[in-house]
N, C-alpha and C. Protein backbone atom coordinates (compact mmCIF):
# COMPACT_ATOMS: atom_id res chain seq x y z
N MET A 1 8.90 2.63 12.02
CA MET A 1 8.33 2.90 10.73
C MET A 1 8.79 4.27 10.26
N GLU A 2 9.30 4.30 9.05
CA GLU A 2 9.76 5.57 8.55
C GLU A 2 9.67 5.62 7.03
N PHE A 3 9.68 6.82 6.52
CA PHE A 3 9.68 7.07 5.09
C PHE A 3 11.00 6.56 4.53
N VAL A 4 10.94 5.76 3.48
CA VAL A 4 12.14 5.19 2.89
C VAL A 4 12.55 6.04 1.70
N GLN A 5 13.75 6.56 1.72
CA GLN A 5 14.23 7.47 0.69
C GLN A 5 14.60 6.76 -0.61
N ASP A 6 14.84 5.47 -0.57
CA ASP A 6 15.36 4.74 -1.73
C ASP A 6 14.26 4.28 -2.69
N PHE A 7 13.09 4.86 -2.61
CA PHE A 7 12.00 4.47 -3.49
C PHE A 7 11.34 5.72 -4.04
N ASP A 8 11.01 5.72 -5.32
CA ASP A 8 10.37 6.86 -5.98
C ASP A 8 8.85 6.77 -5.78
N TYR A 9 8.36 7.37 -4.71
CA TYR A 9 6.94 7.32 -4.40
C TYR A 9 6.09 8.08 -5.41
N SER A 10 6.69 8.97 -6.18
CA SER A 10 5.92 9.76 -7.15
C SER A 10 5.32 8.89 -8.25
N GLN A 11 5.80 7.67 -8.41
CA GLN A 11 5.27 6.78 -9.43
C GLN A 11 3.96 6.11 -9.00
N LEU A 12 3.59 6.26 -7.74
CA LEU A 12 2.37 5.62 -7.23
C LEU A 12 1.16 6.49 -7.51
N GLU A 13 0.04 5.84 -7.76
CA GLU A 13 -1.21 6.55 -8.05
C GLU A 13 -1.99 6.79 -6.76
N LEU A 14 -2.37 8.04 -6.53
CA LEU A 14 -3.14 8.40 -5.35
C LEU A 14 -4.63 8.19 -5.60
N HIS A 15 -5.30 7.58 -4.63
CA HIS A 15 -6.75 7.34 -4.68
C HIS A 15 -7.35 7.91 -3.40
N ARG A 16 -8.67 8.06 -3.40
CA ARG A 16 -9.39 8.50 -2.19
C ARG A 16 -10.64 7.65 -2.01
N THR A 17 -10.90 7.31 -0.75
CA THR A 17 -12.16 6.63 -0.43
C THR A 17 -13.29 7.66 -0.49
N SER A 18 -14.51 7.20 -0.40
CA SER A 18 -15.67 8.11 -0.43
C SER A 18 -15.66 9.08 0.75
N TYR A 19 -14.96 8.73 1.83
CA TYR A 19 -14.90 9.61 3.00
C TYR A 19 -13.58 10.38 3.09
N GLY A 20 -12.78 10.33 2.00
CA GLY A 20 -11.62 11.20 1.89
C GLY A 20 -10.26 10.63 2.28
N LEU A 21 -10.19 9.37 2.69
CA LEU A 21 -8.91 8.78 3.06
C LEU A 21 -8.06 8.62 1.80
N GLY A 22 -6.87 9.17 1.82
CA GLY A 22 -5.95 9.04 0.69
C GLY A 22 -5.10 7.79 0.82
N TYR A 23 -4.94 7.07 -0.29
CA TYR A 23 -4.10 5.89 -0.29
C TYR A 23 -3.47 5.69 -1.66
N TYR A 24 -2.33 5.04 -1.65
CA TYR A 24 -1.63 4.69 -2.88
C TYR A 24 -1.74 3.19 -3.10
N THR A 25 -1.76 2.80 -4.36
CA THR A 25 -1.70 1.37 -4.67
C THR A 25 -0.37 1.07 -5.33
N ILE A 26 0.09 -0.14 -5.09
CA ILE A 26 1.36 -0.60 -5.65
C ILE A 26 1.17 -1.99 -6.23
N THR A 27 1.67 -2.20 -7.42
CA THR A 27 1.50 -3.50 -8.08
C THR A 27 2.41 -4.54 -7.42
N PRO A 28 2.09 -5.81 -7.62
CA PRO A 28 2.98 -6.85 -7.09
C PRO A 28 4.41 -6.71 -7.63
N GLU A 29 4.54 -6.31 -8.88
CA GLU A 29 5.86 -6.15 -9.48
C GLU A 29 6.63 -5.00 -8.82
N GLN A 30 5.95 -3.86 -8.62
CA GLN A 30 6.59 -2.73 -7.94
C GLN A 30 7.02 -3.14 -6.53
N TRP A 31 6.17 -3.91 -5.86
CA TRP A 31 6.47 -4.35 -4.50
C TRP A 31 7.73 -5.23 -4.48
N GLU A 32 7.73 -6.27 -5.28
CA GLU A 32 8.83 -7.24 -5.25
C GLU A 32 10.14 -6.66 -5.77
N GLU A 33 10.06 -5.87 -6.84
CA GLU A 33 11.28 -5.41 -7.50
C GLU A 33 11.83 -4.11 -6.95
N GLU A 34 10.97 -3.25 -6.41
CA GLU A 34 11.42 -1.92 -6.02
C GLU A 34 11.23 -1.59 -4.55
N LEU A 35 9.98 -1.64 -4.07
CA LEU A 35 9.73 -1.17 -2.70
C LEU A 35 10.19 -2.15 -1.64
N LYS A 36 9.90 -3.43 -1.79
CA LYS A 36 10.29 -4.40 -0.77
C LYS A 36 11.79 -4.39 -0.50
N PRO A 37 12.64 -4.40 -1.54
CA PRO A 37 14.08 -4.32 -1.25
C PRO A 37 14.48 -3.01 -0.55
N ALA A 38 13.76 -1.93 -0.85
CA ALA A 38 14.09 -0.63 -0.24
C ALA A 38 13.68 -0.54 1.22
N VAL A 39 12.61 -1.26 1.61
CA VAL A 39 12.09 -1.12 2.98
C VAL A 39 12.47 -2.26 3.91
N LYS A 40 13.05 -3.32 3.38
CA LYS A 40 13.24 -4.52 4.22
C LYS A 40 14.07 -4.27 5.47
N GLU A 41 14.94 -3.28 5.45
CA GLU A 41 15.75 -2.97 6.63
C GLU A 41 15.04 -2.01 7.58
N ASP A 42 14.05 -1.27 7.08
CA ASP A 42 13.41 -0.22 7.88
C ASP A 42 12.02 -0.59 8.40
N TRP A 43 11.29 -1.40 7.66
CA TRP A 43 9.94 -1.76 8.07
C TRP A 43 9.96 -3.01 8.93
N SER A 44 8.96 -3.12 9.78
CA SER A 44 8.81 -4.33 10.59
C SER A 44 8.31 -5.48 9.71
N GLU A 45 8.48 -6.67 10.20
CA GLU A 45 7.96 -7.85 9.50
C GLU A 45 6.43 -7.74 9.35
N TYR A 46 5.80 -7.19 10.36
CA TYR A 46 4.35 -6.98 10.32
C TYR A 46 3.95 -6.12 9.13
N ASP A 47 4.63 -4.99 8.93
CA ASP A 47 4.29 -4.09 7.83
C ASP A 47 4.55 -4.73 6.47
N ILE A 48 5.65 -5.46 6.36
CA ILE A 48 5.95 -6.17 5.11
C ILE A 48 4.87 -7.20 4.82
N ASN A 49 4.45 -7.93 5.85
CA ASN A 49 3.39 -8.92 5.68
C ASN A 49 2.07 -8.28 5.29
N LEU A 50 1.79 -7.09 5.83
CA LEU A 50 0.54 -6.40 5.48
C LEU A 50 0.45 -6.14 3.98
N VAL A 51 1.53 -5.64 3.39
CA VAL A 51 1.51 -5.40 1.94
C VAL A 51 1.25 -6.70 1.19
N GLU A 52 1.89 -7.76 1.61
CA GLU A 52 1.72 -9.04 0.93
C GLU A 52 0.30 -9.58 1.11
N ILE A 53 -0.32 -9.32 2.24
CA ILE A 53 -1.71 -9.71 2.45
C ILE A 53 -2.63 -8.89 1.55
N HIS A 54 -2.37 -7.59 1.43
CA HIS A 54 -3.17 -6.76 0.52
C HIS A 54 -3.09 -7.33 -0.90
N ILE A 55 -1.89 -7.67 -1.34
CA ILE A 55 -1.71 -8.20 -2.69
C ILE A 55 -2.48 -9.50 -2.86
N LYS A 56 -2.45 -10.36 -1.86
CA LYS A 56 -3.21 -11.62 -1.94
C LYS A 56 -4.71 -11.36 -1.95
N ASN A 57 -5.17 -10.38 -1.20
CA ASN A 57 -6.61 -10.11 -1.10
C ASN A 57 -7.19 -9.39 -2.31
N CYS A 58 -6.43 -8.43 -2.88
CA CYS A 58 -7.04 -7.64 -3.95
C CYS A 58 -6.11 -7.41 -5.15
N GLY A 59 -4.91 -7.96 -5.10
CA GLY A 59 -4.00 -7.83 -6.23
C GLY A 59 -3.11 -6.61 -6.22
N LEU A 60 -3.24 -5.76 -5.19
CA LEU A 60 -2.43 -4.55 -5.07
C LEU A 60 -2.02 -4.33 -3.63
N GLY A 61 -0.84 -3.74 -3.43
CA GLY A 61 -0.46 -3.28 -2.10
C GLY A 61 -1.10 -1.93 -1.85
N ILE A 62 -1.38 -1.61 -0.59
CA ILE A 62 -2.09 -0.37 -0.24
C ILE A 62 -1.28 0.37 0.83
N LEU A 63 -0.92 1.61 0.51
CA LEU A 63 -0.14 2.44 1.43
C LEU A 63 -0.90 3.71 1.73
N ASP A 64 -0.84 4.18 2.98
CA ASP A 64 -1.56 5.40 3.32
C ASP A 64 -0.85 6.62 2.74
N GLU A 65 -1.62 7.65 2.48
CA GLU A 65 -1.11 8.86 1.84
C GLU A 65 -0.10 9.61 2.71
N ALA A 66 -0.34 9.66 4.00
CA ALA A 66 0.47 10.50 4.87
C ALA A 66 1.87 9.93 5.14
N PHE A 67 1.96 8.62 5.37
CA PHE A 67 3.22 8.04 5.82
C PHE A 67 3.79 6.99 4.87
N TYR A 68 3.07 6.68 3.79
CA TYR A 68 3.51 5.65 2.83
C TYR A 68 3.73 4.31 3.53
N MET A 69 2.85 4.01 4.47
CA MET A 69 2.91 2.75 5.21
C MET A 69 1.66 1.95 4.89
N PRO A 70 1.72 0.61 5.02
CA PRO A 70 0.55 -0.21 4.74
C PRO A 70 -0.59 0.10 5.70
N ILE A 71 -1.79 0.07 5.17
CA ILE A 71 -3.00 0.32 5.97
C ILE A 71 -3.45 -0.99 6.60
N ASP A 72 -3.76 -0.94 7.90
CA ASP A 72 -4.23 -2.16 8.58
C ASP A 72 -5.57 -1.99 9.27
N ASN A 73 -6.24 -0.87 9.06
CA ASN A 73 -7.55 -0.64 9.63
C ASN A 73 -8.59 -1.37 8.78
N GLU A 74 -9.33 -2.30 9.39
CA GLU A 74 -10.27 -3.12 8.64
C GLU A 74 -11.38 -2.30 7.97
N TYR A 75 -11.87 -1.27 8.65
CA TYR A 75 -12.91 -0.42 8.06
C TYR A 75 -12.39 0.23 6.79
N ASP A 76 -11.18 0.80 6.87
CA ASP A 76 -10.59 1.43 5.69
C ASP A 76 -10.32 0.41 4.59
N LEU A 77 -9.80 -0.75 4.96
CA LEU A 77 -9.50 -1.76 3.95
C LEU A 77 -10.75 -2.26 3.25
N ASP A 78 -11.86 -2.41 3.97
CA ASP A 78 -13.12 -2.81 3.32
C ASP A 78 -13.51 -1.80 2.26
N ALA A 79 -13.42 -0.52 2.60
CA ALA A 79 -13.77 0.53 1.64
C ALA A 79 -12.82 0.52 0.45
N ILE A 80 -11.54 0.36 0.71
CA ILE A 80 -10.54 0.36 -0.36
C ILE A 80 -10.70 -0.87 -1.24
N TYR A 81 -10.86 -2.04 -0.65
CA TYR A 81 -11.06 -3.26 -1.44
C TYR A 81 -12.30 -3.12 -2.34
N ASN A 82 -13.37 -2.53 -1.80
CA ASN A 82 -14.57 -2.29 -2.62
C ASN A 82 -14.28 -1.34 -3.78
N ASP A 83 -13.53 -0.26 -3.51
CA ASP A 83 -13.16 0.67 -4.57
C ASP A 83 -12.35 -0.02 -5.66
N ILE A 84 -11.41 -0.84 -5.25
CA ILE A 84 -10.57 -1.55 -6.22
C ILE A 84 -11.41 -2.53 -7.04
N GLU A 85 -12.31 -3.24 -6.38
CA GLU A 85 -13.17 -4.20 -7.09
C GLU A 85 -14.07 -3.48 -8.10
N GLU A 86 -14.61 -2.34 -7.70
CA GLU A 86 -15.48 -1.58 -8.60
C GLU A 86 -14.72 -1.01 -9.79
N SER A 87 -13.43 -0.77 -9.64
CA SER A 87 -12.66 -0.17 -10.73
C SER A 87 -12.19 -1.21 -11.76
N LYS A 88 -12.41 -2.49 -11.47
CA LYS A 88 -11.97 -3.55 -12.40
C LYS A 88 -12.91 -3.65 -13.58
C-alpha cells in the first residue's frame, strides 16, 4: 500500500468523525474515472474492493486522512456512515 502520485488528492473533501478521525470522501465518478485507474497497479485487490463496498453501502468511497487508503475498521465505518447519512 502506498501513496499514488498520479491522483490529485487535493480535490477531496476532508471530514472528521466526532472523535477526530480524519477521512476523505470520493464520489463514484472520481473513483471510476480518476483514482481507480491510478491505483490499480499499486493497491491490493482487497483495498480496491473496500472502496467499491463503501460506494455500495453509502454512495461514497472513504479514504483515511493519513495514508489515503480505504478504511476497513468497522467502528470507524459505522461512525462515518452515520455522518454521511446525517449530512444528506
